[in-house]
Amino acid sequence: MKFILISVLCELLFGNIAMAEISHESSANNSYANVRVVGPCRFRMEDLFGGRLATYKDKEGIYFLPWVGPQRFKSGSFSLSCVKATDEKIAIYLDGKLIDGRWWRCSSYPCTEMEPYEKKANAKTVPLKGRNWLGIAYTADDTTGDERKRARRFRFCLVHEKNALCGRIPVQWLSNPKGRDDLPRIKAILESVEFVDPVDLPTTSTDGPPAVVTEGR
């Protein structure tokens, strides 16, 4: 209970700070209110299902999600990182790679060695429909750790030209297979992404503490 209360307070505190940064950027030029900047990635993204995207100094992104109430998600948020769209970088962020129709996972860091997912991990490719990007995504089930906390985890990268917007989030608790699956809603959020050219953006500068990723059950 204490963990939940602390997580909620952190989400509210840092979420409000991060949203204030976005408000500051938007007030500078309202015509760019929906353009988000995460590293070299510039994109538009809809805030859906009670969620909202916040950024920190244009370097890191975090999409806050409700995990209390009727629209609650399994996780309180997921981070977004913009990386170079190389096979190595994408494999690191996905913690895996599709090889000959089967998903392999990294067995060393930084993903120099790989091994096939075991059958019980149920690793499956997830199709994503991009507006101007290619989606590389899959789900895989936890096979170790406390059985009550094992999850089906969704990992994704949205590849646009030389960059990729990547992240990961649990979408279903394996201890409750009949519970709501968050994957369809997470897919809808990601499929609202549309990358824009850097020349379309004004130069902005913000200051503040980094956003915090929280996970709830």
C-alpha atoms as a PDB file:
ATOM      1  CA  MET A   1       0.000   0.000   0.000  1.00  0.00           C
ATOM      2  CA  LYS A   2       2.836   2.390   0.888  1.00  0.00           C
ATOM      3  CA  PHE A   3       4.514   1.611  -2.442  1.00  0.00           C
ATOM      4  CA  ILE A   4       1.326   2.449  -4.329  1.00  0.00           C
ATOM      5  CA  LEU A   5       0.898   5.766  -2.501  1.00  0.00           C
ATOM      6  CA  ILE A   6       4.530   6.738  -3.075  1.00  0.00           C
ATOM      7  CA  SER A   7       4.300   5.782  -6.756  1.00  0.00           C
ATOM      8  CA  VAL A   8       1.119   7.834  -7.201  1.00  0.00           C
ATOM      9  CA  LEU A   9       2.741  10.864  -5.552  1.00  0.00           C
ATOM     10  CA  CYS A  10       5.827  10.500  -7.747  1.00  0.00           C
ATOM     11  CA  GLU A  11       3.701  10.204 -10.858  1.00  0.00           C
ATOM     12  CA  LEU A  12       1.731  13.299  -9.931  1.00  0.00           C
ATOM     13  CA  LEU A  13       4.797  15.314  -8.903  1.00  0.00           C
ATOM     14  CA  PHE A  14       7.077  14.503 -11.798  1.00  0.00           C
ATOM     15  CA  GLY A  15       4.229  14.248 -14.270  1.00  0.00           C
ATOM     16  CA  ASN A  16       3.106  17.791 -13.432  1.00  0.00           C
ATOM     17  CA  ILE A  17       6.678  19.081 -13.670  1.00  0.00           C
ATOM     18  CA  ALA A  18       7.203  17.418 -17.032  1.00  0.00           C
ATOM     19  CA  MET A  19       3.873  18.685 -18.325  1.00  0.00           C
ATOM     20  CA  ALA A  20       4.853  22.181 -17.204  1.00  0.00           C
ATOM     21  CA  GLU A  21       7.910  21.868 -19.440  1.00  0.00           C
ATOM     22  CA  ILE A  22       5.682  20.954 -22.366  1.00  0.00           C
ATOM     23  CA  SER A  23       3.374  23.876 -21.570  1.00  0.00           C
ATOM     24  CA  HIS A  24       6.406  26.181 -21.581  1.00  0.00           C
ATOM     25  CA  GLU A  25       7.444  24.920 -25.021  1.00  0.00           C
ATOM     26  CA  SER A  26       3.903  25.191 -26.370  1.00  0.00           C
ATOM     27  CA  SER A  27       3.413  28.768 -25.160  1.00  0.00           C
ATOM     28  CA  ALA A  28       6.528  29.787 -27.089  1.00  0.00           C
ATOM     29  CA  ASN A  29       4.890  28.765 -30.370  1.00  0.00           C
ATOM     30  CA  ASN A  30       1.353  27.380 -30.341  1.00  0.00           C
ATOM     31  CA  SER A  31       1.647  26.095 -33.917  1.00  0.00           C
ATOM     32  CA  TYR A  32       4.089  23.452 -32.646  1.00  0.00           C
ATOM     33  CA  ALA A  33       2.060  22.456 -29.590  1.00  0.00           C
ATOM     34  CA  ASN A  34       1.765  18.821 -30.644  1.00  0.00           C
ATOM     35  CA  VAL A  35       5.367  18.340 -31.829  1.00  0.00           C
ATOM     36  CA  ARG A  36       7.408  16.269 -29.381  1.00  0.00           C
ATOM     37  CA  VAL A  37      11.189  16.141 -29.226  1.00  0.00           C
ATOM     38  CA  VAL A  38      13.107  13.168 -27.826  1.00  0.00           C
ATOM     39  CA  GLY A  39      16.765  13.376 -28.774  1.00  0.00           C
ATOM     40  CA  PRO A  40      17.042  13.483 -32.578  1.00  0.00           C
ATOM     41  CA  CYS A  41      13.472  12.152 -32.964  1.00  0.00           C
ATOM     42  CA  ARG A  42      10.816  14.767 -33.783  1.00  0.00           C
ATOM     43  CA  PHE A  43       7.238  13.546 -33.936  1.00  0.00           C
ATOM     44  CA  ARG A  44       3.572  14.192 -33.263  1.00  0.00           C
ATOM     45  CA  MET A  45       1.737  11.851 -30.924  1.00  0.00           C
ATOM     46  CA  GLU A  46      -1.789  11.765 -29.558  1.00  0.00           C
ATOM     47  CA  ASP A  47      -2.491  11.587 -25.813  1.00  0.00           C
ATOM     48  CA  LEU A  48      -4.968   8.704 -25.640  1.00  0.00           C
ATOM     49  CA  PHE A  49      -6.838   6.699 -22.967  1.00  0.00           C
ATOM     50  CA  GLY A  50      -6.180   9.250 -20.225  1.00  0.00           C
ATOM     51  CA  GLY A  51      -2.425   9.192 -20.860  1.00  0.00           C
ATOM     52  CA  ARG A  52      -0.025  12.016 -21.664  1.00  0.00           C
ATOM     53  CA  LEU A  53       3.486  12.338 -23.010  1.00  0.00           C
ATOM     54  CA  ALA A  54       6.059  14.417 -21.174  1.00  0.00           C
ATOM     55  CA  THR A  55       9.653  15.177 -22.138  1.00  0.00           C
ATOM     56  CA  TYR A  56      12.736  16.186 -20.178  1.00  0.00           C
ATOM     57  CA  LYS A  57      15.090  18.678 -21.816  1.00  0.00           C
ATOM     58  CA  ASP A  58      14.178  17.227 -25.213  1.00  0.00           C
ATOM     59  CA  LYS A  59      16.306  14.176 -24.368  1.00  0.00           C
ATOM     60  CA  GLU A  60      13.985  11.647 -22.746  1.00  0.00           C
ATOM     61  CA  GLY A  61      10.295  10.967 -23.145  1.00  0.00           C
ATOM     62  CA  ILE A  62       7.847   9.304 -20.797  1.00  0.00           C
ATOM     63  CA  TYR A  63       4.220   8.487 -21.484  1.00  0.00           C
ATOM     64  CA  PHE A  64       2.250   8.580 -18.234  1.00  0.00           C
ATOM     65  CA  LEU A  65      -0.715   6.203 -18.022  1.00  0.00           C
ATOM     66  CA  PRO A  66      -3.554   5.932 -15.476  1.00  0.00           C
ATOM     67  CA  TRP A  67      -3.243   2.805 -13.351  1.00  0.00           C
ATOM     68  CA  VAL A  68      -6.166   3.534 -11.062  1.00  0.00           C
ATOM     69  CA  GLY A  69      -9.776   3.964 -12.157  1.00  0.00           C
ATOM     70  CA  PRO A  70     -11.695   2.485 -15.114  1.00  0.00           C
ATOM     71  CA  GLN A  71      -8.946   3.189 -17.687  1.00  0.00           C
ATOM     72  CA  ARG A  72      -6.102   1.809 -15.582  1.00  0.00           C
ATOM     73  CA  PHE A  73      -3.084   0.139 -17.177  1.00  0.00           C
ATOM     74  CA  LYS A  74      -0.736  -2.533 -15.846  1.00  0.00           C
ATOM     75  CA  SER A  75       2.094   0.013 -15.724  1.00  0.00           C
ATOM     76  CA  GLY A  76       1.946   3.642 -14.667  1.00  0.00           C
ATOM     77  CA  SER A  77       4.143   4.735 -17.577  1.00  0.00           C
ATOM     78  CA  PHE A  78       6.621   3.758 -20.238  1.00  0.00           C
ATOM     79  CA  SER A  79       9.734   5.551 -21.408  1.00  0.00           C
ATOM     80  CA  LEU A  80      10.634   6.540 -24.961  1.00  0.00           C
ATOM     81  CA  SER A  81      14.237   6.707 -26.159  1.00  0.00           C
ATOM     82  CA  CYS A  82      15.507   7.813 -29.553  1.00  0.00           C
ATOM     83  CA  VAL A  83      18.461   5.740 -30.793  1.00  0.00           C
ATOM     84  CA  LYS A  84      20.348   5.236 -34.023  1.00  0.00           C
ATOM     85  CA  ALA A  85      18.494   2.779 -36.227  1.00  0.00           C
ATOM     86  CA  THR A  86      21.284   0.219 -36.424  1.00  0.00           C
ATOM     87  CA  ASP A  87      20.743  -3.512 -35.952  1.00  0.00           C
ATOM     88  CA  GLU A  88      22.901  -3.441 -32.820  1.00  0.00           C
ATOM     89  CA  LYS A  89      21.124  -0.528 -31.125  1.00  0.00           C
ATOM     90  CA  ILE A  90      17.660  -1.837 -31.967  1.00  0.00           C
ATOM     91  CA  ALA A  91      18.542  -5.322 -30.671  1.00  0.00           C
ATOM     92  CA  ILE A  92      19.744  -3.800 -27.387  1.00  0.00           C
ATOM     93  CA  TYR A  93      16.524  -1.854 -26.843  1.00  0.00           C
ATOM     94  CA  LEU A  94      14.345  -4.758 -27.912  1.00  0.00           C
ATOM     95  CA  ASP A  95      16.499  -7.143 -25.902  1.00  0.00           C
ATOM     96  CA  GLY A  96      16.120  -9.444 -28.862  1.00  0.00           C
ATOM     97  CA  LYS A  97      16.129  -9.979 -32.599  1.00  0.00           C
ATOM     98  CA  LEU A  98      14.023 -11.874 -35.115  1.00  0.00           C
ATOM     99  CA  ILE A  99      16.210 -14.516 -36.796  1.00  0.00           C
ATOM    100  CA  ASP A 100      14.767 -16.849 -39.430  1.00  0.00           C
ATOM    101  CA  GLY A 101      11.233 -16.311 -38.160  1.00  0.00           C
ATOM    102  CA  ARG A 102      12.079 -16.899 -34.486  1.00  0.00           C
ATOM    103  CA  TRP A 103      12.817 -14.409 -31.721  1.00  0.00           C
ATOM    104  CA  TRP A 104      16.201 -14.600 -30.019  1.00  0.00           C
ATOM    105  CA  ARG A 105      17.094 -12.704 -26.864  1.00  0.00           C
ATOM    106  CA  CYS A 106      20.321 -11.080 -25.769  1.00  0.00           C
ATOM    107  CA  SER A 107      22.360 -13.315 -23.493  1.00  0.00           C
ATOM    108  CA  SER A 108      25.108 -10.729 -22.981  1.00  0.00           C
ATOM    109  CA  TYR A 109      25.462  -6.956 -22.948  1.00  0.00           C
ATOM    110  CA  PRO A 110      25.605  -5.120 -25.258  1.00  0.00           C
ATOM    111  CA  CYS A 111      23.857  -7.959 -27.063  1.00  0.00           C
ATOM    112  CA  THR A 112      26.980  -9.486 -28.590  1.00  0.00           C
ATOM    113  CA  GLU A 113      25.665 -12.983 -27.895  1.00  0.00           C
ATOM    114  CA  MET A 114      22.124 -14.254 -28.361  1.00  0.00           C
ATOM    115  CA  GLU A 115      20.065 -17.335 -27.621  1.00  0.00           C
ATOM    116  CA  PRO A 116      16.586 -18.388 -28.787  1.00  0.00           C
ATOM    117  CA  TYR A 117      13.679 -17.711 -26.460  1.00  0.00           C
ATOM    118  CA  GLU A 118      12.455 -20.889 -24.810  1.00  0.00           C
ATOM    119  CA  LYS A 119       9.061 -22.135 -25.935  1.00  0.00           C
ATOM    120  CA  LYS A 120       7.289 -21.199 -22.689  1.00  0.00           C
ATOM    121  CA  ALA A 121       8.267 -17.536 -23.195  1.00  0.00           C
ATOM    122  CA  ASN A 122       5.715 -17.508 -26.040  1.00  0.00           C
ATOM    123  CA  ALA A 123       7.653 -14.819 -27.958  1.00  0.00           C
ATOM    124  CA  LYS A 124       5.502 -13.394 -30.774  1.00  0.00           C
ATOM    125  CA  THR A 125       5.896 -10.635 -33.332  1.00  0.00           C
ATOM    126  CA  VAL A 126       3.427  -7.754 -32.908  1.00  0.00           C
ATOM    127  CA  PRO A 127       2.446  -5.944 -36.137  1.00  0.00           C
ATOM    128  CA  LEU A 128       2.394  -2.155 -35.931  1.00  0.00           C
ATOM    129  CA  LYS A 129       0.905   0.101 -38.604  1.00  0.00           C
ATOM    130  CA  GLY A 130       3.090   3.189 -38.973  1.00  0.00           C
ATOM    131  CA  ARG A 131       2.260   6.440 -40.704  1.00  0.00           C
ATOM    132  CA  ASN A 132       5.834   7.077 -41.865  1.00  0.00           C
ATOM    133  CA  TRP A 133       7.839   4.514 -39.911  1.00  0.00           C
ATOM    134  CA  LEU A 134       8.509   0.796 -39.729  1.00  0.00           C
ATOM    135  CA  GLY A 135       7.528  -0.997 -36.520  1.00  0.00           C
ATOM    136  CA  ILE A 136       9.649  -3.758 -35.009  1.00  0.00           C
ATOM    137  CA  ALA A 137       7.906  -5.208 -31.959  1.00  0.00           C
ATOM    138  CA  TYR A 138       7.169  -8.384 -30.046  1.00  0.00           C
ATOM    139  CA  THR A 139       5.848  -9.753 -26.768  1.00  0.00           C
ATOM    140  CA  ALA A 140       7.538 -12.315 -24.537  1.00  0.00           C
ATOM    141  CA  ASP A 141       6.460 -13.810 -21.209  1.00  0.00           C
ATOM    142  CA  ASP A 142       8.554 -13.784 -18.041  1.00  0.00           C
ATOM    143  CA  THR A 143       9.725 -17.295 -17.204  1.00  0.00           C
ATOM    144  CA  THR A 144      11.610 -16.612 -13.967  1.00  0.00           C
ATOM    145  CA  GLY A 145      10.975 -14.699 -10.758  1.00  0.00           C
ATOM    146  CA  ASP A 146       7.942 -14.469  -8.504  1.00  0.00           C
ATOM    147  CA  GLU A 147       5.055 -16.097 -10.377  1.00  0.00           C
ATOM    148  CA  ARG A 148       2.632 -13.503  -9.010  1.00  0.00           C
ATOM    149  CA  LYS A 149       4.635 -10.718 -10.678  1.00  0.00           C
ATOM    150  CA  ARG A 150       5.436 -12.332 -13.999  1.00  0.00           C
ATOM    151  CA  ALA A 151       4.231 -10.360 -16.987  1.00  0.00           C
ATOM    152  CA  ARG A 152       3.887 -10.436 -20.737  1.00  0.00           C
ATOM    153  CA  ARG A 153       6.236  -7.681 -21.834  1.00  0.00           C
ATOM    154  CA  PHE A 154       5.891  -5.663 -25.013  1.00  0.00           C
ATOM    155  CA  ARG A 155       9.054  -4.273 -26.609  1.00  0.00           C
ATOM    156  CA  PHE A 156       9.026  -1.978 -29.635  1.00  0.00           C
ATOM    157  CA  CYS A 157      11.031   0.301 -31.924  1.00  0.00           C
ATOM    158  CA  LEU A 158       9.507   2.695 -34.458  1.00  0.00           C
ATOM    159  CA  VAL A 159      12.132   3.128 -37.174  1.00  0.00           C
ATOM    160  CA  HIS A 160      12.185   6.373 -39.165  1.00  0.00           C
ATOM    161  CA  GLU A 161      15.103   6.922 -41.529  1.00  0.00           C
ATOM    162  CA  LYS A 162      18.285   6.943 -39.387  1.00  0.00           C
ATOM    163  CA  ASN A 163      16.581   6.924 -35.969  1.00  0.00           C
ATOM    164  CA  ALA A 164      14.284   4.689 -33.946  1.00  0.00           C
ATOM    165  CA  LEU A 165      11.913   5.522 -31.097  1.00  0.00           C
ATOM    166  CA  CYS A 166      12.031   2.595 -28.672  1.00  0.00           C
ATOM    167  CA  GLY A 167      10.466   1.469 -25.410  1.00  0.00           C
ATOM    168  CA  ARG A 168       8.995  -1.430 -23.449  1.00  0.00           C
ATOM    169  CA  ILE A 169       6.065  -2.014 -21.119  1.00  0.00           C
ATOM    170  CA  PRO A 170       4.269  -4.929 -19.381  1.00  0.00           C
ATOM    171  CA  VAL A 171       0.855  -5.452 -20.985  1.00  0.00           C
ATOM    172  CA  GLN A 172      -0.585  -8.427 -19.096  1.00  0.00           C
ATOM    173  CA  TRP A 173      -0.032 -10.180 -15.759  1.00  0.00           C
ATOM    174  CA  LEU A 174       0.435 -13.897 -16.330  1.00  0.00           C
ATOM    175  CA  SER A 175      -1.143 -14.721 -12.971  1.00  0.00           C
ATOM    176  CA  ASN A 176      -4.413 -13.303 -14.332  1.00  0.00           C
ATOM    177  CA  PRO A 177      -4.634 -14.467 -17.974  1.00  0.00           C
ATOM    178  CA  LYS A 178      -8.318 -13.489 -18.179  1.00  0.00           C
ATOM    179  CA  GLY A 179      -7.589  -9.925 -17.078  1.00  0.00           C
ATOM    180  CA  ARG A 180      -7.598  -7.026 -19.503  1.00  0.00           C
ATOM    181  CA  ASP A 181      -4.768  -7.046 -22.030  1.00  0.00           C
ATOM    182  CA  ASP A 182      -3.248  -3.569 -22.430  1.00  0.00           C
ATOM    183  CA  LEU A 183      -1.581  -4.341 -25.760  1.00  0.00           C
ATOM    184  CA  PRO A 184      -4.382  -3.070 -28.061  1.00  0.00           C
ATOM    185  CA  ARG A 185      -4.424   0.318 -26.337  1.00  0.00           C
ATOM    186  CA  ILE A 186      -0.628   0.607 -26.261  1.00  0.00           C
ATOM    187  CA  LYS A 187      -0.577  -0.191 -29.983  1.00  0.00           C
ATOM    188  CA  ALA A 188      -3.154   2.549 -30.640  1.00  0.00           C
ATOM    189  CA  ILE A 189      -1.006   5.074 -28.760  1.00  0.00           C
ATOM    190  CA  LEU A 190       2.120   4.155 -30.726  1.00  0.00           C
ATOM    191  CA  GLU A 191       0.320   4.073 -34.058  1.00  0.00           C
ATOM    192  CA  SER A 192      -0.648   7.727 -33.548  1.00  0.00           C
ATOM    193  CA  VAL A 193       3.052   8.660 -33.885  1.00  0.00           C
ATOM    194  CA  GLU A 194       4.016  10.605 -37.005  1.00  0.00           C
ATOM    195  CA  PHE A 195       7.611  11.735 -37.437  1.00  0.00           C
ATOM    196  CA  VAL A 196       8.307  15.266 -38.689  1.00  0.00           C
ATOM    197  CA  ASP A 197      11.387  16.872 -40.195  1.00  0.00           C
ATOM    198  CA  PRO A 198      13.715  18.663 -37.742  1.00  0.00           C
ATOM    199  CA  VAL A 199      13.563  21.832 -39.864  1.00  0.00           C
ATOM    200  CA  ASP A 200       9.888  22.169 -38.932  1.00  0.00           C
ATOM    201  CA  LEU A 201      10.737  22.842 -35.299  1.00  0.00           C
ATOM    202  CA  PRO A 202      11.662  25.978 -33.343  1.00  0.00           C
ATOM    203  CA  THR A 203      14.617  25.865 -30.951  1.00  0.00           C
ATOM    204  CA  THR A 204      13.498  25.473 -27.321  1.00  0.00           C
ATOM    205  CA  SER A 205      15.218  25.025 -23.997  1.00  0.00           C
ATOM    206  CA  THR A 206      13.753  23.715 -20.744  1.00  0.00           C
ATOM    207  CA  ASP A 207      15.050  22.894 -17.309  1.00  0.00           C
ATOM    208  CA  GLY A 208      13.797  20.565 -14.594  1.00  0.00           C
ATOM    209  CA  PRO A 209      14.268  17.177 -12.963  1.00  0.00           C
ATOM    210  CA  PRO A 210      14.005  13.977 -15.011  1.00  0.00           C
ATOM    211  CA  ALA A 211      10.724  12.095 -15.226  1.00  0.00           C
ATOM    212  CA  VAL A 212      10.375   8.867 -13.229  1.00  0.00           C
ATOM    213  CA  VAL A 213       9.052   5.591 -14.611  1.00  0.00           C
ATOM    214  CA  THR A 214       6.707   3.788 -12.251  1.00  0.00           C
ATOM    215  CA  GLU A 215       5.034   0.417 -12.581  1.00  0.00           C
ATOM    216  CA  GLY A 216       1.894  -0.577 -10.778  1.00  0.00           C
ATOM    217  CA  ARG A 217      -0.302  -3.628 -10.492  1.00  0.00           C
END
